[in-house]
Amino acid sequence: MDVLQLDVSGRPQAWITTREAAVIYASDGIAWTLGEPCHVLRGGMQRRTGSQSRIEVHPIIAVRGSVPSRAWRQSPALSNPKLFARDRYVCAYCGHRFHADELTREHIQPSSRGGRDNWMNCITACRGCNGRKGNRLPEEAHMSLLYLPYVPNLHEDMILRGRRILADQMEFLLASVPRSSRLYA
């Protein structure tokens, strides 16, 4: 189980392990938390009180410190697993759902013709449709897109990373995902 780490303003930063979260708790780096404690870590016995130390880790933690402004101007890194998840494992040309092993990253404007490798030029395609389109634009291959590409926002990107997400974490992340997102499909 991973913990969703936020900056102090509530923007997602990373998925971290409960042990990494415990280090932040122990160093008094937690600004605030959300959700019910989901994991308890027990430590050694305290000399003065004789009680065992324990840290209750919440599923969402906000970390003290400054907010790096440049991080919010960048689009999330593009990867095939996140692209396929964004597109719900559906080929943009034939509309069929496939297993990730049967899918490819398809460039709407082919790379060999100056197309960029970014969220707005890449869609999910099955191997058959990708081969049929080849090195052409969709209109040249007489193939039309069934959906349009888009750049996921930061909250959506955290969902697309394919983690096991707890209900509290999903509720928090979905609150900032646009209703037009395919995650709602």
N, C-alpha and C. Protein backbone atom coordinates (compact mmCIF):
# COMPACT_ATOMS: atom_id res chain seq x y z
N MET A 1 0.84 -1.17 0.00
CA MET A 1 0.00 0.00 0.00
C MET A 1 0.89 1.24 0.00
N ASP A 2 0.63 2.16 -0.91
CA ASP A 2 1.40 3.39 -1.00
C ASP A 2 0.62 4.55 -0.40
N VAL A 3 1.36 5.57 -0.03
CA VAL A 3 0.80 6.79 0.55
C VAL A 3 0.90 7.88 -0.51
N LEU A 4 -0.16 8.67 -0.65
CA LEU A 4 -0.15 9.80 -1.58
C LEU A 4 0.46 11.00 -0.87
N GLN A 5 1.61 11.44 -1.36
CA GLN A 5 2.30 12.59 -0.78
C GLN A 5 1.91 13.85 -1.54
N LEU A 6 1.48 14.86 -0.80
CA LEU A 6 1.11 16.15 -1.38
C LEU A 6 2.07 17.22 -0.89
N ASP A 7 2.10 18.35 -1.61
CA ASP A 7 2.80 19.49 -1.04
C ASP A 7 1.83 20.18 -0.07
N VAL A 8 2.28 21.20 0.60
CA VAL A 8 1.47 21.84 1.63
C VAL A 8 0.20 22.49 1.06
N SER A 9 0.21 22.79 -0.25
CA SER A 9 -0.98 23.40 -0.87
C SER A 9 -1.97 22.35 -1.36
N GLY A 10 -1.63 21.07 -1.25
CA GLY A 10 -2.55 20.01 -1.63
C GLY A 10 -2.35 19.44 -3.01
N ARG A 11 -1.25 19.77 -3.66
CA ARG A 11 -0.97 19.21 -4.99
C ARG A 11 -0.17 17.91 -4.85
N PRO A 12 -0.56 16.88 -5.59
CA PRO A 12 0.16 15.61 -5.50
C PRO A 12 1.62 15.75 -5.93
N GLN A 13 2.49 15.07 -5.17
CA GLN A 13 3.91 15.07 -5.51
C GLN A 13 4.38 13.68 -5.93
N ALA A 14 3.96 12.65 -5.16
CA ALA A 14 4.49 11.32 -5.42
C ALA A 14 3.69 10.27 -4.67
N TRP A 15 3.88 9.03 -5.10
CA TRP A 15 3.43 7.87 -4.33
C TRP A 15 4.66 7.41 -3.55
N ILE A 16 4.53 7.27 -2.24
CA ILE A 16 5.66 6.84 -1.41
C ILE A 16 5.23 5.63 -0.58
N THR A 17 6.22 4.89 -0.09
CA THR A 17 5.93 3.73 0.74
C THR A 17 5.55 4.20 2.15
N THR A 18 4.96 3.30 2.93
CA THR A 18 4.62 3.65 4.32
C THR A 18 5.88 3.92 5.12
N ARG A 19 6.96 3.24 4.82
CA ARG A 19 8.22 3.49 5.52
C ARG A 19 8.77 4.88 5.21
N GLU A 20 8.67 5.29 3.93
CA GLU A 20 9.10 6.64 3.58
C GLU A 20 8.22 7.68 4.29
N ALA A 21 6.92 7.40 4.36
CA ALA A 21 6.02 8.31 5.08
C ALA A 21 6.38 8.38 6.55
N ALA A 22 6.74 7.23 7.14
CA ALA A 22 7.10 7.20 8.56
C ALA A 22 8.30 8.09 8.84
N VAL A 23 9.25 8.13 7.93
CA VAL A 23 10.42 9.01 8.10
C VAL A 23 9.97 10.47 8.14
N ILE A 24 9.01 10.83 7.29
CA ILE A 24 8.51 12.21 7.27
C ILE A 24 7.77 12.51 8.57
N TYR A 25 6.96 11.54 9.04
CA TYR A 25 6.28 11.71 10.33
C TYR A 25 7.31 11.92 11.45
N ALA A 26 8.33 11.05 11.49
CA ALA A 26 9.31 11.08 12.57
C ALA A 26 10.14 12.37 12.57
N SER A 27 10.31 12.96 11.40
CA SER A 27 11.09 14.20 11.33
C SER A 27 10.20 15.44 11.41
N ASP A 28 8.95 15.24 11.82
CA ASP A 28 7.98 16.33 12.00
C ASP A 28 7.78 17.10 10.70
N GLY A 29 7.73 16.37 9.59
CA GLY A 29 7.57 17.01 8.29
C GLY A 29 6.15 17.00 7.76
N ILE A 30 5.18 16.54 8.55
CA ILE A 30 3.79 16.47 8.10
C ILE A 30 3.07 17.78 8.42
N ALA A 31 2.48 18.39 7.40
CA ALA A 31 1.69 19.61 7.61
C ALA A 31 0.25 19.24 7.97
N TRP A 32 -0.34 18.28 7.26
CA TRP A 32 -1.69 17.81 7.54
C TRP A 32 -1.91 16.46 6.85
N THR A 33 -2.97 15.78 7.24
CA THR A 33 -3.28 14.46 6.69
C THR A 33 -4.75 14.39 6.31
N LEU A 34 -5.09 13.40 5.49
CA LEU A 34 -6.48 13.11 5.15
C LEU A 34 -6.70 11.61 5.26
N GLY A 35 -7.93 11.25 5.58
CA GLY A 35 -8.29 9.84 5.67
C GLY A 35 -7.97 9.25 7.03
N GLU A 36 -8.55 8.11 7.27
CA GLU A 36 -8.28 7.38 8.51
C GLU A 36 -6.92 6.70 8.41
N PRO A 37 -6.20 6.56 9.53
CA PRO A 37 -4.92 5.86 9.48
C PRO A 37 -5.08 4.49 8.82
N CYS A 38 -4.16 4.16 7.93
CA CYS A 38 -4.27 2.92 7.18
C CYS A 38 -3.16 1.93 7.52
N HIS A 39 -2.19 2.38 8.28
CA HIS A 39 -1.08 1.50 8.64
C HIS A 39 -0.46 2.01 9.95
N VAL A 40 -0.10 1.09 10.80
CA VAL A 40 0.56 1.45 12.06
C VAL A 40 1.94 0.78 12.08
N LEU A 41 2.95 1.61 12.28
CA LEU A 41 4.32 1.10 12.41
C LEU A 41 4.72 1.20 13.88
N ARG A 42 5.26 0.12 14.40
CA ARG A 42 5.66 0.09 15.80
C ARG A 42 7.18 0.08 15.89
N GLY A 43 7.68 0.83 16.89
CA GLY A 43 9.12 0.93 17.08
C GLY A 43 9.55 0.35 18.41
N GLY A 44 10.62 0.92 18.96
CA GLY A 44 11.18 0.44 20.22
C GLY A 44 10.43 0.99 21.43
N MET A 45 10.90 0.58 22.60
CA MET A 45 10.29 1.00 23.87
C MET A 45 10.96 2.30 24.33
N GLN A 46 10.15 3.23 24.82
CA GLN A 46 10.67 4.48 25.35
C GLN A 46 11.13 4.26 26.78
N ARG A 47 12.31 4.78 27.11
CA ARG A 47 12.88 4.57 28.46
C ARG A 47 12.03 5.21 29.55
N ARG A 48 11.61 6.44 29.32
CA ARG A 48 10.88 7.17 30.36
C ARG A 48 9.51 6.56 30.65
N THR A 49 8.74 6.29 29.61
CA THR A 49 7.36 5.85 29.82
C THR A 49 7.21 4.33 29.78
N GLY A 50 8.13 3.66 29.16
CA GLY A 50 8.03 2.21 29.01
C GLY A 50 7.05 1.80 27.91
N SER A 51 6.50 2.77 27.21
CA SER A 51 5.55 2.42 26.14
C SER A 51 6.29 2.31 24.79
N GLN A 52 5.68 1.53 23.93
CA GLN A 52 6.26 1.31 22.61
C GLN A 52 5.91 2.48 21.70
N SER A 53 6.89 2.95 20.92
CA SER A 53 6.61 4.05 19.99
C SER A 53 5.80 3.50 18.81
N ARG A 54 4.95 4.35 18.27
CA ARG A 54 4.15 3.93 17.12
C ARG A 54 3.84 5.15 16.26
N ILE A 55 3.75 4.90 14.97
CA ILE A 55 3.39 5.95 14.02
C ILE A 55 2.20 5.44 13.23
N GLU A 56 1.12 6.22 13.26
CA GLU A 56 -0.06 5.91 12.46
C GLU A 56 0.07 6.66 11.15
N VAL A 57 0.11 5.93 10.05
CA VAL A 57 0.30 6.52 8.73
C VAL A 57 -1.07 6.68 8.07
N HIS A 58 -1.33 7.87 7.58
CA HIS A 58 -2.57 8.17 6.87
C HIS A 58 -2.38 7.93 5.37
N PRO A 59 -3.45 7.69 4.62
CA PRO A 59 -3.30 7.41 3.19
C PRO A 59 -2.88 8.63 2.37
N ILE A 60 -3.13 9.83 2.91
CA ILE A 60 -2.76 11.07 2.22
C ILE A 60 -2.06 11.98 3.22
N ILE A 61 -0.84 12.39 2.88
CA ILE A 61 -0.08 13.28 3.76
C ILE A 61 0.40 14.50 2.98
N ALA A 62 0.33 15.65 3.61
CA ALA A 62 0.88 16.88 3.03
C ALA A 62 2.17 17.19 3.77
N VAL A 63 3.21 17.45 3.02
CA VAL A 63 4.54 17.65 3.56
C VAL A 63 4.85 19.13 3.67
N ARG A 64 5.43 19.51 4.81
CA ARG A 64 5.83 20.91 5.01
C ARG A 64 6.90 21.29 3.99
N GLY A 65 7.00 22.57 3.72
CA GLY A 65 8.05 23.06 2.83
C GLY A 65 7.48 23.90 1.71
N SER A 66 8.38 24.44 0.91
CA SER A 66 7.96 25.32 -0.17
C SER A 66 7.44 24.51 -1.35
N VAL A 67 6.64 25.17 -2.16
CA VAL A 67 6.06 24.55 -3.34
C VAL A 67 6.88 24.96 -4.55
N PRO A 68 7.51 23.99 -5.26
CA PRO A 68 8.27 24.35 -6.46
C PRO A 68 7.31 24.74 -7.58
N SER A 69 7.35 25.99 -8.01
CA SER A 69 6.37 26.49 -8.98
C SER A 69 6.55 25.87 -10.36
N ARG A 70 7.75 25.55 -10.75
CA ARG A 70 7.98 25.03 -12.10
C ARG A 70 7.34 23.65 -12.32
N ALA A 71 7.15 22.90 -11.26
CA ALA A 71 6.61 21.55 -11.39
C ALA A 71 5.19 21.57 -11.94
N TRP A 72 4.47 22.66 -11.78
CA TRP A 72 3.07 22.70 -12.19
C TRP A 72 2.87 23.22 -13.60
N ARG A 73 3.96 23.62 -14.23
CA ARG A 73 3.85 24.07 -15.61
C ARG A 73 4.19 22.96 -16.58
N GLN A 74 4.70 21.86 -16.10
CA GLN A 74 5.10 20.76 -16.96
C GLN A 74 3.96 19.78 -17.13
N SER A 75 3.91 19.16 -18.30
CA SER A 75 2.92 18.10 -18.47
C SER A 75 3.53 16.80 -17.94
N PRO A 76 2.68 15.87 -17.53
CA PRO A 76 3.20 14.61 -16.99
C PRO A 76 4.02 13.85 -18.03
N ALA A 77 4.95 13.07 -17.57
CA ALA A 77 5.77 12.26 -18.47
C ALA A 77 4.88 11.24 -19.19
N LEU A 78 5.14 11.08 -20.47
CA LEU A 78 4.38 10.13 -21.29
C LEU A 78 5.02 8.76 -21.23
N SER A 79 4.23 7.75 -20.96
CA SER A 79 4.70 6.36 -21.00
C SER A 79 3.57 5.52 -21.59
N ASN A 80 3.92 4.38 -22.15
CA ASN A 80 2.89 3.52 -22.72
C ASN A 80 1.86 3.08 -21.68
N PRO A 81 2.26 2.62 -20.50
CA PRO A 81 1.23 2.22 -19.53
C PRO A 81 0.25 3.35 -19.19
N LYS A 82 0.75 4.57 -19.04
CA LYS A 82 -0.14 5.69 -18.72
C LYS A 82 -0.99 6.07 -19.94
N LEU A 83 -0.40 6.02 -21.13
CA LEU A 83 -1.16 6.32 -22.35
C LEU A 83 -2.30 5.32 -22.53
N PHE A 84 -1.99 4.03 -22.38
CA PHE A 84 -3.03 3.00 -22.54
C PHE A 84 -4.12 3.16 -21.49
N ALA A 85 -3.73 3.50 -20.26
CA ALA A 85 -4.72 3.72 -19.20
C ALA A 85 -5.57 4.96 -19.51
N ARG A 86 -4.94 6.04 -19.99
CA ARG A 86 -5.70 7.24 -20.35
C ARG A 86 -6.76 6.90 -21.39
N ASP A 87 -6.38 6.08 -22.36
CA ASP A 87 -7.28 5.73 -23.46
C ASP A 87 -8.13 4.49 -23.16
N ARG A 88 -8.08 4.02 -21.92
CA ARG A 88 -8.91 2.91 -21.42
C ARG A 88 -8.68 1.60 -22.20
N TYR A 89 -7.45 1.43 -22.74
CA TYR A 89 -7.06 0.21 -23.46
C TYR A 89 -7.93 0.00 -24.70
N VAL A 90 -8.39 1.11 -25.28
CA VAL A 90 -9.25 1.07 -26.46
C VAL A 90 -8.50 1.66 -27.65
N CYS A 91 -8.49 0.94 -28.76
CA CYS A 91 -7.85 1.42 -29.98
C CYS A 91 -8.63 2.64 -30.50
N ALA A 92 -7.92 3.71 -30.81
CA ALA A 92 -8.55 4.95 -31.27
C ALA A 92 -9.12 4.82 -32.68
N TYR A 93 -8.78 3.76 -33.39
CA TYR A 93 -9.27 3.60 -34.77
C TYR A 93 -10.41 2.59 -34.87
N CYS A 94 -10.27 1.41 -34.29
CA CYS A 94 -11.32 0.39 -34.42
C CYS A 94 -12.28 0.36 -33.23
N GLY A 95 -11.86 0.95 -32.11
CA GLY A 95 -12.74 1.04 -30.94
C GLY A 95 -12.80 -0.22 -30.08
N HIS A 96 -11.99 -1.21 -30.39
CA HIS A 96 -12.00 -2.44 -29.59
C HIS A 96 -11.06 -2.30 -28.40
N ARG A 97 -11.40 -2.98 -27.32
CA ARG A 97 -10.58 -2.99 -26.11
C ARG A 97 -9.57 -4.15 -26.23
N PHE A 98 -8.33 -3.89 -25.84
CA PHE A 98 -7.26 -4.87 -25.95
C PHE A 98 -6.47 -4.95 -24.65
N HIS A 99 -5.73 -6.03 -24.50
CA HIS A 99 -4.75 -6.16 -23.42
C HIS A 99 -3.55 -5.29 -23.80
N ALA A 100 -2.84 -4.79 -22.82
CA ALA A 100 -1.70 -3.89 -23.06
C ALA A 100 -0.67 -4.50 -24.02
N ASP A 101 -0.49 -5.81 -23.98
CA ASP A 101 0.49 -6.46 -24.87
C ASP A 101 0.12 -6.35 -26.34
N GLU A 102 -1.14 -6.09 -26.63
CA GLU A 102 -1.62 -6.02 -28.01
C GLU A 102 -1.74 -4.59 -28.52
N LEU A 103 -1.30 -3.63 -27.70
CA LEU A 103 -1.45 -2.21 -28.04
C LEU A 103 -0.11 -1.56 -28.37
N THR A 104 -0.19 -0.46 -29.10
CA THR A 104 1.00 0.31 -29.45
C THR A 104 0.74 1.80 -29.22
N ARG A 105 1.82 2.53 -29.10
CA ARG A 105 1.74 4.00 -29.06
C ARG A 105 1.72 4.46 -30.50
N GLU A 106 0.62 5.06 -30.91
CA GLU A 106 0.43 5.50 -32.28
C GLU A 106 0.59 7.02 -32.34
N HIS A 107 1.42 7.48 -33.26
CA HIS A 107 1.60 8.91 -33.48
C HIS A 107 0.63 9.35 -34.57
N ILE A 108 -0.26 10.27 -34.25
CA ILE A 108 -1.24 10.75 -35.23
C ILE A 108 -0.50 11.33 -36.43
N GLN A 109 0.42 12.25 -36.16
CA GLN A 109 1.34 12.69 -37.21
C GLN A 109 2.60 11.88 -37.00
N PRO A 110 2.95 11.01 -37.94
CA PRO A 110 4.09 10.11 -37.76
C PRO A 110 5.38 10.85 -37.39
N SER A 111 6.19 10.21 -36.56
CA SER A 111 7.47 10.79 -36.14
C SER A 111 8.35 11.10 -37.35
N SER A 112 8.32 10.22 -38.34
CA SER A 112 9.16 10.40 -39.53
C SER A 112 8.72 11.62 -40.35
N ARG A 113 7.53 12.15 -40.05
CA ARG A 113 7.02 13.32 -40.76
C ARG A 113 6.94 14.53 -39.83
N GLY A 114 7.75 14.50 -38.77
CA GLY A 114 7.85 15.65 -37.86
C GLY A 114 6.91 15.60 -36.67
N GLY A 115 6.18 14.53 -36.52
CA GLY A 115 5.27 14.41 -35.38
C GLY A 115 6.03 14.24 -34.08
N ARG A 116 5.55 14.88 -33.05
CA ARG A 116 6.22 14.83 -31.75
C ARG A 116 5.72 13.67 -30.92
N ASP A 117 6.56 13.25 -29.99
CA ASP A 117 6.21 12.19 -29.06
C ASP A 117 5.67 12.85 -27.79
N ASN A 118 4.42 13.30 -27.85
CA ASN A 118 3.80 13.95 -26.70
C ASN A 118 2.34 13.52 -26.58
N TRP A 119 1.71 13.92 -25.48
CA TRP A 119 0.34 13.51 -25.18
C TRP A 119 -0.64 13.90 -26.28
N MET A 120 -0.44 15.04 -26.93
CA MET A 120 -1.40 15.53 -27.93
C MET A 120 -1.22 14.91 -29.31
N ASN A 121 -0.13 14.21 -29.53
CA ASN A 121 0.09 13.55 -30.82
C ASN A 121 0.05 12.03 -30.70
N CYS A 122 -0.14 11.51 -29.50
CA CYS A 122 -0.12 10.06 -29.30
C CYS A 122 -1.46 9.55 -28.83
N ILE A 123 -1.85 8.43 -29.40
CA ILE A 123 -3.07 7.74 -29.00
C ILE A 123 -2.75 6.25 -28.91
N THR A 124 -3.69 5.50 -28.39
CA THR A 124 -3.55 4.05 -28.28
C THR A 124 -4.11 3.41 -29.54
N ALA A 125 -3.37 2.47 -30.12
CA ALA A 125 -3.85 1.74 -31.30
C ALA A 125 -3.48 0.27 -31.17
N CYS A 126 -4.34 -0.59 -31.69
CA CYS A 126 -3.99 -2.01 -31.74
C CYS A 126 -2.93 -2.19 -32.82
N ARG A 127 -2.23 -3.29 -32.78
CA ARG A 127 -1.15 -3.52 -33.74
C ARG A 127 -1.67 -3.52 -35.19
N GLY A 128 -2.85 -4.10 -35.40
CA GLY A 128 -3.42 -4.16 -36.75
C GLY A 128 -3.70 -2.78 -37.32
N CYS A 129 -4.35 -1.94 -36.54
CA CYS A 129 -4.67 -0.58 -37.02
C CYS A 129 -3.41 0.25 -37.18
N ASN A 130 -2.46 0.10 -36.29
CA ASN A 130 -1.20 0.84 -36.40
C ASN A 130 -0.50 0.46 -37.70
N GLY A 131 -0.46 -0.82 -38.00
CA GLY A 131 0.17 -1.27 -39.24
C GLY A 131 -0.57 -0.79 -40.48
N ARG A 132 -1.90 -0.79 -40.41
CA ARG A 132 -2.72 -0.35 -41.54
C ARG A 132 -2.50 1.15 -41.81
N LYS A 133 -2.39 1.95 -40.76
CA LYS A 133 -2.18 3.39 -40.93
C LYS A 133 -0.78 3.66 -41.46
N GLY A 134 0.19 2.90 -40.92
CA GLY A 134 1.56 3.06 -41.39
C GLY A 134 2.11 4.44 -41.18
N ASN A 135 2.81 4.95 -42.20
CA ASN A 135 3.50 6.23 -42.12
C ASN A 135 2.65 7.36 -42.71
N ARG A 136 1.34 7.24 -42.56
CA ARG A 136 0.43 8.24 -43.14
C ARG A 136 -0.33 8.98 -42.04
N LEU A 137 -0.92 10.08 -42.39
CA LEU A 137 -1.86 10.76 -41.51
C LEU A 137 -3.17 9.97 -41.53
N PRO A 138 -3.96 10.05 -40.47
CA PRO A 138 -5.21 9.27 -40.45
C PRO A 138 -6.08 9.51 -41.68
N GLU A 139 -6.20 10.77 -42.13
CA GLU A 139 -7.05 11.04 -43.29
C GLU A 139 -6.48 10.45 -44.58
N GLU A 140 -5.15 10.37 -44.68
CA GLU A 140 -4.53 9.75 -45.85
C GLU A 140 -4.79 8.25 -45.87
N ALA A 141 -4.91 7.65 -44.70
CA ALA A 141 -5.16 6.20 -44.60
C ALA A 141 -6.66 5.90 -44.55
N HIS A 142 -7.48 6.94 -44.67
CA HIS A 142 -8.95 6.82 -44.58
C HIS A 142 -9.36 6.16 -43.26
N MET A 143 -8.72 6.61 -42.19
CA MET A 143 -9.03 6.14 -40.84
C MET A 143 -9.35 7.36 -39.99
N SER A 144 -10.41 7.28 -39.22
CA SER A 144 -10.74 8.42 -38.36
C SER A 144 -10.58 8.05 -36.90
N LEU A 145 -10.23 9.05 -36.12
CA LEU A 145 -10.06 8.86 -34.68
C LEU A 145 -11.42 8.80 -34.00
N LEU A 146 -11.60 7.85 -33.11
CA LEU A 146 -12.84 7.72 -32.36
C LEU A 146 -12.84 8.59 -31.12
N TYR A 147 -11.66 9.03 -30.70
CA TYR A 147 -11.53 9.95 -29.58
C TYR A 147 -10.29 10.80 -29.81
N LEU A 148 -10.24 11.92 -29.13
CA LEU A 148 -9.12 12.84 -29.29
C LEU A 148 -8.13 12.72 -28.14
N PRO A 149 -6.86 12.95 -28.42
CA PRO A 149 -5.87 12.92 -27.34
C PRO A 149 -6.00 14.16 -26.46
N TYR A 150 -5.50 14.07 -25.24
CA TYR A 150 -5.46 15.21 -24.34
C TYR A 150 -4.34 14.99 -23.34
N VAL A 151 -3.92 16.07 -22.70
CA VAL A 151 -2.87 16.01 -21.69
C VAL A 151 -3.54 15.82 -20.33
N PRO A 152 -3.23 14.73 -19.62
CA PRO A 152 -3.83 14.54 -18.29
C PRO A 152 -3.31 15.60 -17.31
N ASN A 153 -4.18 16.01 -16.38
CA ASN A 153 -3.70 16.93 -15.35
C ASN A 153 -2.94 16.14 -14.30
N LEU A 154 -2.36 16.82 -13.35
CA LEU A 154 -1.50 16.18 -12.36
C LEU A 154 -2.25 15.13 -11.54
N HIS A 155 -3.48 15.43 -11.14
CA HIS A 155 -4.26 14.48 -10.34
C HIS A 155 -4.59 13.23 -11.15
N GLU A 156 -4.94 13.43 -12.41
CA GLU A 156 -5.23 12.30 -13.29
C GLU A 156 -3.97 11.47 -13.52
N ASP A 157 -2.83 12.13 -13.67
CA ASP A 157 -1.57 11.43 -13.86
C ASP A 157 -1.27 10.51 -12.68
N MET A 158 -1.57 10.95 -11.47
CA MET A 158 -1.33 10.10 -10.29
C MET A 158 -2.18 8.84 -10.35
N ILE A 159 -3.39 8.94 -10.89
CA ILE A 159 -4.27 7.77 -11.04
C ILE A 159 -3.73 6.87 -12.15
N LEU A 160 -3.27 7.46 -13.24
CA LEU A 160 -2.80 6.68 -14.40
C LEU A 160 -1.53 5.90 -14.12
N ARG A 161 -0.85 6.19 -13.05
CA ARG A 161 0.41 5.50 -12.75
C ARG A 161 0.21 4.04 -12.38
N GLY A 162 -1.04 3.62 -12.25
CA GLY A 162 -1.33 2.20 -12.08
C GLY A 162 -1.10 1.65 -10.69
N ARG A 163 -1.19 2.47 -9.70
CA ARG A 163 -1.03 2.01 -8.31
C ARG A 163 -2.34 1.43 -7.81
N ARG A 164 -2.24 0.68 -6.71
CA ARG A 164 -3.44 0.26 -5.99
C ARG A 164 -3.83 1.47 -5.14
N ILE A 165 -4.96 2.07 -5.47
CA ILE A 165 -5.35 3.32 -4.84
C ILE A 165 -6.48 3.07 -3.86
N LEU A 166 -6.30 3.54 -2.63
CA LEU A 166 -7.33 3.41 -1.61
C LEU A 166 -8.49 4.37 -1.90
N ALA A 167 -9.66 4.09 -1.34
CA ALA A 167 -10.85 4.90 -1.60
C ALA A 167 -10.63 6.37 -1.24
N ASP A 168 -10.01 6.65 -0.09
CA ASP A 168 -9.74 8.03 0.31
C ASP A 168 -8.86 8.74 -0.72
N GLN A 169 -7.85 8.03 -1.20
CA GLN A 169 -6.94 8.61 -2.17
C GLN A 169 -7.65 8.88 -3.50
N MET A 170 -8.46 7.90 -3.95
CA MET A 170 -9.17 8.06 -5.22
C MET A 170 -10.16 9.22 -5.15
N GLU A 171 -10.87 9.32 -4.05
CA GLU A 171 -11.83 10.42 -3.88
C GLU A 171 -11.11 11.77 -3.95
N PHE A 172 -9.97 11.88 -3.28
CA PHE A 172 -9.20 13.12 -3.29
C PHE A 172 -8.73 13.45 -4.71
N LEU A 173 -8.17 12.47 -5.41
CA LEU A 173 -7.64 12.71 -6.75
C LEU A 173 -8.75 13.03 -7.75
N LEU A 174 -9.84 12.27 -7.72
CA LEU A 174 -10.93 12.49 -8.68
C LEU A 174 -11.60 13.85 -8.51
N ALA A 175 -11.53 14.42 -7.32
CA ALA A 175 -12.14 15.73 -7.09
C ALA A 175 -11.52 16.81 -7.98
N SER A 176 -10.30 16.59 -8.45
CA SER A 176 -9.62 17.57 -9.30
C SER A 176 -9.42 17.09 -10.74
N VAL A 177 -10.07 16.00 -11.10
CA VAL A 177 -10.00 15.50 -12.47
C VAL A 177 -11.22 16.04 -13.21
N PRO A 178 -11.02 16.65 -14.39
CA PRO A 178 -12.17 17.19 -15.12
C PRO A 178 -13.18 16.09 -15.48
N ARG A 179 -14.45 16.44 -15.46
CA ARG A 179 -15.51 15.48 -15.78
C ARG A 179 -15.38 14.96 -17.21
N SER A 180 -14.69 15.70 -18.08
CA SER A 180 -14.50 15.29 -19.46
C SER A 180 -13.43 14.20 -19.60
N SER A 181 -12.73 13.89 -18.52
CA SER A 181 -11.67 12.88 -18.54
C SER A 181 -12.25 11.51 -18.89
N ARG A 182 -11.48 10.73 -19.63
CA ARG A 182 -11.91 9.36 -19.93
C ARG A 182 -11.87 8.45 -18.70
N LEU A 183 -11.29 8.92 -17.60
CA LEU A 183 -11.31 8.12 -16.38
C LEU A 183 -12.74 7.93 -15.86
N TYR A 184 -13.65 8.81 -16.26
CA TYR A 184 -15.04 8.70 -15.86
C TYR A 184 -15.84 7.80 -16.80
N ALA A 185 -15.23 7.40 -17.91
CA ALA A 185 -15.95 6.58 -18.92
C ALA A 185 -16.23 5.19 -18.41
